[in-house]
Amino acid sequence: MAKNTSGRGQRDLTVKVKTARGRKLSSTRWLQRQLNDPYVKRARDEGFRGRAAFKILELDEKYRFLVPGARVVDLGCAPGGWCQVAVSRVNALGERSGKARGHVLGVDLQEVEPIAGAEIHQLDFMADGADEQVKSWLDGPADVVMSDMAASSSGHKATDHLRIVALCEAAAHLAFDVLQPGGTFVAKVLQGGAEDSLQAELKRRFKSVANVKPPASRSDSSEKFVVAQGFRG
């Protein structure tokens, strides 16, 4: 049977959601976007805990930091999609014979459902002694520190920008303490990249720093990711 390739046929595939009593228009729009998001469907089909998994997959395809044998720290790891990707890429389950076996450590303020091949702990990474605790769990320094954390939205763009930059700065300072030379730091920032002071600090401590928006980031989102590689120690 021939496929219908007309524009009308394509439009008919879009799921439309009616506004229900008691549901805000913004919630209806969010639900419609979710139902029509190809990355949401892919995440469901491929067993990932969220569409965010494809952001770290795409970043790693370009920058190649999740290599077999790497020790990885995922800050604010809930719900766990980034850890799932890291487990596969660094061979944390030891399923790829002849390849070094990596270690994936996820930390979050909230309890996270177990992930095969990852070690998950409840931890405030900004608490005193968190860096030493992380190194103890890893049994040494990390090769990668990554973070997809975002502060709760206040609805005020400037305030949200400051909050997410503050999270990125906190994650960066933990990375400075736990990364070994040559390591990589990956973290979410907002449009425009990291603030000038943080950007300058990253450029001083790493050999290369890039601000990138992976294809999996929604086009209407202001998020980007900073990828800093070649930690100078």
C-alpha atoms as a PDB file:
ATOM      1  CA  MET A   1       0.000   0.000   0.000  1.00  0.00           C
ATOM      2  CA  ALA A   2       1.341   3.415  -0.977  1.00  0.00           C
ATOM      3  CA  LYS A   3       2.113   5.823   1.861  1.00  0.00           C
ATOM      4  CA  ASN A   4       0.236   9.109   2.100  1.00  0.00           C
ATOM      5  CA  THR A   5       2.947  11.747   1.826  1.00  0.00           C
ATOM      6  CA  SER A   6       0.665  14.761   1.442  1.00  0.00           C
ATOM      7  CA  GLY A   7       0.976  17.669   3.817  1.00  0.00           C
ATOM      8  CA  ARG A   8      -2.580  17.093   4.955  1.00  0.00           C
ATOM      9  CA  GLY A   9      -1.788  13.536   5.911  1.00  0.00           C
ATOM     10  CA  GLN A  10       1.175  14.721   7.978  1.00  0.00           C
ATOM     11  CA  ARG A  11      -0.902  17.336   9.799  1.00  0.00           C
ATOM     12  CA  ASP A  12      -3.491  14.730  10.688  1.00  0.00           C
ATOM     13  CA  LEU A  13      -0.818  12.920  12.742  1.00  0.00           C
ATOM     14  CA  THR A  14      -0.613  15.803  15.225  1.00  0.00           C
ATOM     15  CA  VAL A  15      -2.250  15.020  18.563  1.00  0.00           C
ATOM     16  CA  LYS A  16      -4.495  17.846  19.717  1.00  0.00           C
ATOM     17  CA  VAL A  17      -5.464  18.247  23.366  1.00  0.00           C
ATOM     18  CA  LYS A  18      -8.655  19.966  24.421  1.00  0.00           C
ATOM     19  CA  THR A  19      -8.612  22.244  27.439  1.00  0.00           C
ATOM     20  CA  ALA A  20     -10.233  20.390  30.315  1.00  0.00           C
ATOM     21  CA  ARG A  21     -12.085  21.933  33.214  1.00  0.00           C
ATOM     22  CA  GLY A  22      -9.641  22.736  36.005  1.00  0.00           C
ATOM     23  CA  ARG A  23      -6.594  22.530  33.741  1.00  0.00           C
ATOM     24  CA  LYS A  24      -4.740  25.714  32.849  1.00  0.00           C
ATOM     25  CA  LEU A  25      -4.121  26.625  29.225  1.00  0.00           C
ATOM     26  CA  SER A  26      -0.364  26.432  29.878  1.00  0.00           C
ATOM     27  CA  SER A  27      -0.782  22.847  31.128  1.00  0.00           C
ATOM     28  CA  THR A  28      -2.783  21.931  28.040  1.00  0.00           C
ATOM     29  CA  ARG A  29      -0.067  23.379  25.797  1.00  0.00           C
ATOM     30  CA  TRP A  30       2.613  21.461  27.724  1.00  0.00           C
ATOM     31  CA  LEU A  31       0.657  18.200  27.388  1.00  0.00           C
ATOM     32  CA  GLN A  32       0.147  18.720  23.661  1.00  0.00           C
ATOM     33  CA  ARG A  33       3.848  19.450  23.208  1.00  0.00           C
ATOM     34  CA  GLN A  34       4.769  16.291  25.109  1.00  0.00           C
ATOM     35  CA  LEU A  35       2.410  14.124  23.069  1.00  0.00           C
ATOM     36  CA  ASN A  36       3.831  15.463  19.803  1.00  0.00           C
ATOM     37  CA  ASP A  37       7.515  15.512  20.792  1.00  0.00           C
ATOM     38  CA  PRO A  38       9.483  12.851  18.853  1.00  0.00           C
ATOM     39  CA  TYR A  39      12.161  12.738  21.572  1.00  0.00           C
ATOM     40  CA  VAL A  40       9.528  11.885  24.200  1.00  0.00           C
ATOM     41  CA  LYS A  41       8.384   8.954  22.042  1.00  0.00           C
ATOM     42  CA  ARG A  42      11.975   7.845  21.411  1.00  0.00           C
ATOM     43  CA  ALA A  43      12.744   7.948  25.133  1.00  0.00           C
ATOM     44  CA  ARG A  44       9.719   5.773  25.829  1.00  0.00           C
ATOM     45  CA  ASP A  45      10.553   3.352  23.022  1.00  0.00           C
ATOM     46  CA  GLU A  46      14.239   3.064  23.972  1.00  0.00           C
ATOM     47  CA  GLY A  47      13.687   2.752  27.718  1.00  0.00           C
ATOM     48  CA  PHE A  48      15.124   6.095  28.834  1.00  0.00           C
ATOM     49  CA  ARG A  49      13.623   7.915  31.793  1.00  0.00           C
ATOM     50  CA  GLY A  50      13.158  11.141  29.876  1.00  0.00           C
ATOM     51  CA  ARG A  51      13.897  13.005  26.652  1.00  0.00           C
ATOM     52  CA  ALA A  52      16.893  14.690  28.342  1.00  0.00           C
ATOM     53  CA  ALA A  53      18.849  11.474  27.748  1.00  0.00           C
ATOM     54  CA  PHE A  54      19.214  12.489  24.105  1.00  0.00           C
ATOM     55  CA  LYS A  55      20.877  15.776  25.059  1.00  0.00           C
ATOM     56  CA  ILE A  56      23.828  14.026  26.680  1.00  0.00           C
ATOM     57  CA  LEU A  57      23.881  11.441  23.872  1.00  0.00           C
ATOM     58  CA  GLU A  58      24.176  14.212  21.291  1.00  0.00           C
ATOM     59  CA  LEU A  59      26.794  16.099  23.289  1.00  0.00           C
ATOM     60  CA  ASP A  60      28.846  12.928  23.665  1.00  0.00           C
ATOM     61  CA  GLU A  61      28.546  12.167  19.947  1.00  0.00           C
ATOM     62  CA  LYS A  62      30.212  15.509  19.277  1.00  0.00           C
ATOM     63  CA  TYR A  63      32.764  15.745  22.103  1.00  0.00           C
ATOM     64  CA  ARG A  64      33.449  12.073  23.017  1.00  0.00           C
ATOM     65  CA  PHE A  65      33.918  12.310  26.789  1.00  0.00           C
ATOM     66  CA  LEU A  66      31.926   9.229  27.879  1.00  0.00           C
ATOM     67  CA  VAL A  67      34.503   6.599  26.980  1.00  0.00           C
ATOM     68  CA  PRO A  68      34.856   3.015  28.261  1.00  0.00           C
ATOM     69  CA  GLY A  69      36.519   2.980  31.654  1.00  0.00           C
ATOM     70  CA  ALA A  70      35.609   6.579  32.561  1.00  0.00           C
ATOM     71  CA  ARG A  71      34.512   7.493  36.080  1.00  0.00           C
ATOM     72  CA  VAL A  72      31.474   9.758  35.825  1.00  0.00           C
ATOM     73  CA  VAL A  73      29.622  11.915  38.348  1.00  0.00           C
ATOM     74  CA  ASP A  74      26.077  13.018  37.477  1.00  0.00           C
ATOM     75  CA  LEU A  75      24.970  15.876  39.731  1.00  0.00           C
ATOM     76  CA  GLY A  76      21.237  16.251  40.299  1.00  0.00           C
ATOM     77  CA  CYS A  77      20.764  12.990  38.455  1.00  0.00           C
ATOM     78  CA  ALA A  78      16.977  12.540  38.861  1.00  0.00           C
ATOM     79  CA  PRO A  79      15.153  11.019  37.094  1.00  0.00           C
ATOM     80  CA  GLY A  80      18.222   9.188  35.785  1.00  0.00           C
ATOM     81  CA  GLY A  81      18.307   9.474  31.995  1.00  0.00           C
ATOM     82  CA  TRP A  82      21.842  10.862  31.905  1.00  0.00           C
ATOM     83  CA  CYS A  83      23.051   8.053  34.170  1.00  0.00           C
ATOM     84  CA  GLN A  84      21.442   5.493  31.850  1.00  0.00           C
ATOM     85  CA  VAL A  85      23.366   6.896  28.898  1.00  0.00           C
ATOM     86  CA  ALA A  86      26.620   7.050  30.858  1.00  0.00           C
ATOM     87  CA  VAL A  87      26.285   3.435  32.034  1.00  0.00           C
ATOM     88  CA  SER A  88      26.150   2.230  28.439  1.00  0.00           C
ATOM     89  CA  ARG A  89      28.842   4.524  27.092  1.00  0.00           C
ATOM     90  CA  VAL A  90      31.490   3.935  29.788  1.00  0.00           C
ATOM     91  CA  ASN A  91      30.788   0.175  29.966  1.00  0.00           C
ATOM     92  CA  ALA A  92      29.759   0.321  33.628  1.00  0.00           C
ATOM     93  CA  LEU A  93      28.069  -3.081  33.384  1.00  0.00           C
ATOM     94  CA  GLY A  94      31.149  -4.648  31.813  1.00  0.00           C
ATOM     95  CA  GLU A  95      29.111  -5.967  28.892  1.00  0.00           C
ATOM     96  CA  ARG A  96      31.639  -4.943  26.222  1.00  0.00           C
ATOM     97  CA  SER A  97      34.420  -7.481  26.370  1.00  0.00           C
ATOM     98  CA  GLY A  98      37.895  -6.126  25.813  1.00  0.00           C
ATOM     99  CA  LYS A  99      36.836  -2.638  26.971  1.00  0.00           C
ATOM    100  CA  ALA A 100      37.669  -1.013  30.299  1.00  0.00           C
ATOM    101  CA  ARG A 101      34.827  -0.958  32.802  1.00  0.00           C
ATOM    102  CA  GLY A 102      33.667   2.474  33.936  1.00  0.00           C
ATOM    103  CA  HIS A 103      31.946   3.747  37.062  1.00  0.00           C
ATOM    104  CA  VAL A 104      28.819   5.934  37.091  1.00  0.00           C
ATOM    105  CA  LEU A 105      27.916   7.804  40.273  1.00  0.00           C
ATOM    106  CA  GLY A 106      24.641   9.716  40.445  1.00  0.00           C
ATOM    107  CA  VAL A 107      23.802  12.084  43.297  1.00  0.00           C
ATOM    108  CA  ASP A 108      20.608  13.997  43.996  1.00  0.00           C
ATOM    109  CA  LEU A 109      18.778  15.663  46.871  1.00  0.00           C
ATOM    110  CA  GLN A 110      15.852  13.311  46.322  1.00  0.00           C
ATOM    111  CA  GLU A 111      15.711   9.537  46.239  1.00  0.00           C
ATOM    112  CA  VAL A 112      16.172   8.130  42.751  1.00  0.00           C
ATOM    113  CA  GLU A 113      14.956   4.749  41.545  1.00  0.00           C
ATOM    114  CA  PRO A 114      17.905   2.344  41.100  1.00  0.00           C
ATOM    115  CA  ILE A 115      19.613   2.232  37.710  1.00  0.00           C
ATOM    116  CA  ALA A 116      21.397  -0.919  36.582  1.00  0.00           C
ATOM    117  CA  GLY A 117      25.123  -0.247  36.445  1.00  0.00           C
ATOM    118  CA  ALA A 118      24.986   3.071  38.319  1.00  0.00           C
ATOM    119  CA  GLU A 119      25.667   3.869  41.954  1.00  0.00           C
ATOM    120  CA  ILE A 120      23.054   6.336  43.225  1.00  0.00           C
ATOM    121  CA  HIS A 121      23.239   8.329  46.461  1.00  0.00           C
ATOM    122  CA  GLN A 122      21.196  11.044  48.134  1.00  0.00           C
ATOM    123  CA  LEU A 123      23.580  13.952  48.666  1.00  0.00           C
ATOM    124  CA  ASP A 124      23.600  17.741  48.740  1.00  0.00           C
ATOM    125  CA  PHE A 125      26.649  18.286  46.556  1.00  0.00           C
ATOM    126  CA  MET A 126      26.994  21.828  47.938  1.00  0.00           C
ATOM    127  CA  ALA A 127      27.363  20.575  51.519  1.00  0.00           C
ATOM    128  CA  ASP A 128      30.728  20.672  53.289  1.00  0.00           C
ATOM    129  CA  GLY A 129      32.768  17.580  52.526  1.00  0.00           C
ATOM    130  CA  ALA A 130      30.688  16.563  49.502  1.00  0.00           C
ATOM    131  CA  ASP A 131      33.750  16.533  47.247  1.00  0.00           C
ATOM    132  CA  GLU A 132      35.592  14.102  49.516  1.00  0.00           C
ATOM    133  CA  GLN A 133      32.490  11.923  49.782  1.00  0.00           C
ATOM    134  CA  VAL A 134      32.220  11.774  45.978  1.00  0.00           C
ATOM    135  CA  LYS A 135      35.871  10.790  45.602  1.00  0.00           C
ATOM    136  CA  SER A 136      35.416   8.151  48.304  1.00  0.00           C
ATOM    137  CA  TRP A 137      32.463   6.609  46.449  1.00  0.00           C
ATOM    138  CA  LEU A 138      34.422   6.684  43.193  1.00  0.00           C
ATOM    139  CA  ASP A 139      37.559   5.388  44.880  1.00  0.00           C
ATOM    140  CA  GLY A 140      39.504   8.195  43.217  1.00  0.00           C
ATOM    141  CA  PRO A 141      39.079  11.281  41.045  1.00  0.00           C
ATOM    142  CA  ALA A 142      36.469  11.602  38.285  1.00  0.00           C
ATOM    143  CA  ASP A 143      36.971  11.770  34.536  1.00  0.00           C
ATOM    144  CA  VAL A 144      33.638  13.496  33.913  1.00  0.00           C
ATOM    145  CA  VAL A 145      31.379  15.704  36.027  1.00  0.00           C
ATOM    146  CA  MET A 146      28.060  16.460  34.366  1.00  0.00           C
ATOM    147  CA  SER A 147      24.880  18.244  35.369  1.00  0.00           C
ATOM    148  CA  ASP A 148      21.466  18.792  33.793  1.00  0.00           C
ATOM    149  CA  MET A 149      20.186  20.632  36.870  1.00  0.00           C
ATOM    150  CA  ALA A 150      17.812  23.562  36.569  1.00  0.00           C
ATOM    151  CA  ALA A 151      16.384  25.691  39.353  1.00  0.00           C
ATOM    152  CA  SER A 152      12.607  25.878  39.666  1.00  0.00           C
ATOM    153  CA  SER A 153      11.227  28.526  37.344  1.00  0.00           C
ATOM    154  CA  SER A 154      10.128  31.771  38.956  1.00  0.00           C
ATOM    155  CA  GLY A 155       8.586  33.096  35.763  1.00  0.00           C
ATOM    156  CA  HIS A 156      11.082  35.964  35.802  1.00  0.00           C
ATOM    157  CA  LYS A 157      13.703  35.459  33.095  1.00  0.00           C
ATOM    158  CA  ALA A 158      16.532  37.413  34.757  1.00  0.00           C
ATOM    159  CA  THR A 159      16.003  35.688  38.110  1.00  0.00           C
ATOM    160  CA  ASP A 160      15.895  32.251  36.511  1.00  0.00           C
ATOM    161  CA  HIS A 161      19.124  33.027  34.647  1.00  0.00           C
ATOM    162  CA  LEU A 162      20.901  33.954  37.890  1.00  0.00           C
ATOM    163  CA  ARG A 163      19.634  30.821  39.624  1.00  0.00           C
ATOM    164  CA  ILE A 164      20.788  28.428  36.940  1.00  0.00           C
ATOM    165  CA  VAL A 165      24.170  30.168  36.657  1.00  0.00           C
ATOM    166  CA  ALA A 166      24.555  29.793  40.433  1.00  0.00           C
ATOM    167  CA  LEU A 167      23.865  26.058  40.107  1.00  0.00           C
ATOM    168  CA  CYS A 168      26.355  25.808  37.266  1.00  0.00           C
ATOM    169  CA  GLU A 169      28.985  27.654  39.319  1.00  0.00           C
ATOM    170  CA  ALA A 170      28.436  25.311  42.281  1.00  0.00           C
ATOM    171  CA  ALA A 171      28.722  22.272  40.012  1.00  0.00           C
ATOM    172  CA  ALA A 172      31.892  23.697  38.444  1.00  0.00           C
ATOM    173  CA  HIS A 173      33.555  24.217  41.811  1.00  0.00           C
ATOM    174  CA  LEU A 174      32.832  20.637  42.810  1.00  0.00           C
ATOM    175  CA  ALA A 175      34.278  19.555  39.462  1.00  0.00           C
ATOM    176  CA  PHE A 176      37.469  21.512  40.199  1.00  0.00           C
ATOM    177  CA  ASP A 177      37.824  19.467  43.397  1.00  0.00           C
ATOM    178  CA  VAL A 178      37.049  15.997  42.043  1.00  0.00           C
ATOM    179  CA  LEU A 179      38.228  15.929  38.405  1.00  0.00           C
ATOM    180  CA  GLN A 180      41.557  14.477  37.460  1.00  0.00           C
ATOM    181  CA  PRO A 181      43.780  16.240  34.887  1.00  0.00           C
ATOM    182  CA  GLY A 182      42.327  15.927  31.400  1.00  0.00           C
ATOM    183  CA  GLY A 183      38.772  15.609  32.742  1.00  0.00           C
ATOM    184  CA  THR A 184      35.534  17.045  31.345  1.00  0.00           C
ATOM    185  CA  PHE A 185      32.820  19.234  32.858  1.00  0.00           C
ATOM    186  CA  VAL A 186      29.367  19.438  31.222  1.00  0.00           C
ATOM    187  CA  ALA A 187      26.537  21.543  32.639  1.00  0.00           C
ATOM    188  CA  LYS A 188      23.316  23.278  31.677  1.00  0.00           C
ATOM    189  CA  VAL A 189      23.374  27.048  31.307  1.00  0.00           C
ATOM    190  CA  LEU A 190      20.937  29.505  29.723  1.00  0.00           C
ATOM    191  CA  GLN A 191      21.032  31.355  26.418  1.00  0.00           C
ATOM    192  CA  GLY A 192      24.213  33.383  26.211  1.00  0.00           C
ATOM    193  CA  GLY A 193      26.195  30.677  28.003  1.00  0.00           C
ATOM    194  CA  ALA A 194      27.776  30.928  31.426  1.00  0.00           C
ATOM    195  CA  GLU A 195      28.294  34.292  33.043  1.00  0.00           C
ATOM    196  CA  ASP A 196      31.526  36.065  32.116  1.00  0.00           C
ATOM    197  CA  SER A 197      33.221  35.331  35.440  1.00  0.00           C
ATOM    198  CA  LEU A 198      32.435  31.610  35.257  1.00  0.00           C
ATOM    199  CA  GLN A 199      33.335  31.462  31.582  1.00  0.00           C
ATOM    200  CA  ALA A 200      36.712  33.044  32.337  1.00  0.00           C
ATOM    201  CA  GLU A 201      37.317  30.623  35.207  1.00  0.00           C
ATOM    202  CA  LEU A 202      36.499  27.633  33.016  1.00  0.00           C
ATOM    203  CA  LYS A 203      38.812  28.869  30.262  1.00  0.00           C
ATOM    204  CA  ARG A 204      41.593  29.238  32.818  1.00  0.00           C
ATOM    205  CA  ARG A 205      41.119  25.725  34.210  1.00  0.00           C
ATOM    206  CA  PHE A 206      40.319  23.808  30.993  1.00  0.00           C
ATOM    207  CA  LYS A 207      42.037  23.611  27.612  1.00  0.00           C
ATOM    208  CA  SER A 208      38.793  24.102  25.659  1.00  0.00           C
ATOM    209  CA  VAL A 209      35.353  25.503  26.532  1.00  0.00           C
ATOM    210  CA  ALA A 210      32.303  25.432  24.258  1.00  0.00           C
ATOM    211  CA  ASN A 211      28.702  26.560  24.695  1.00  0.00           C
ATOM    212  CA  VAL A 212      26.370  24.424  22.586  1.00  0.00           C
ATOM    213  CA  LYS A 213      22.665  23.736  22.093  1.00  0.00           C
ATOM    214  CA  PRO A 214      22.159  20.064  21.194  1.00  0.00           C
ATOM    215  CA  PRO A 215      19.380  19.194  18.725  1.00  0.00           C
ATOM    216  CA  ALA A 216      17.364  17.526  21.522  1.00  0.00           C
ATOM    217  CA  SER A 217      16.975  20.876  23.304  1.00  0.00           C
ATOM    218  CA  ARG A 218      13.617  22.305  22.329  1.00  0.00           C
ATOM    219  CA  SER A 219      13.832  25.176  19.874  1.00  0.00           C
ATOM    220  CA  ASP A 220      11.848  27.442  22.203  1.00  0.00           C
ATOM    221  CA  SER A 221      14.089  26.650  25.179  1.00  0.00           C
ATOM    222  CA  SER A 222      16.767  29.109  26.280  1.00  0.00           C
ATOM    223  CA  GLU A 223      19.016  26.325  27.579  1.00  0.00           C
ATOM    224  CA  LYS A 224      22.510  25.616  26.349  1.00  0.00           C
ATOM    225  CA  PHE A 225      25.275  23.424  27.716  1.00  0.00           C
ATOM    226  CA  VAL A 226      28.831  24.347  28.560  1.00  0.00           C
ATOM    227  CA  VAL A 227      31.338  21.611  27.653  1.00  0.00           C
ATOM    228  CA  ALA A 228      34.746  22.183  29.220  1.00  0.00           C
ATOM    229  CA  GLN A 229      37.451  19.646  28.348  1.00  0.00           C
ATOM    230  CA  GLY A 230      41.073  19.080  29.265  1.00  0.00           C
ATOM    231  CA  PHE A 231      41.042  19.973  32.945  1.00  0.00           C
ATOM    232  CA  ARG A 232      44.395  21.468  33.857  1.00  0.00           C
ATOM    233  CA  GLY A 233      44.306  20.268  37.452  1.00  0.00           C
END
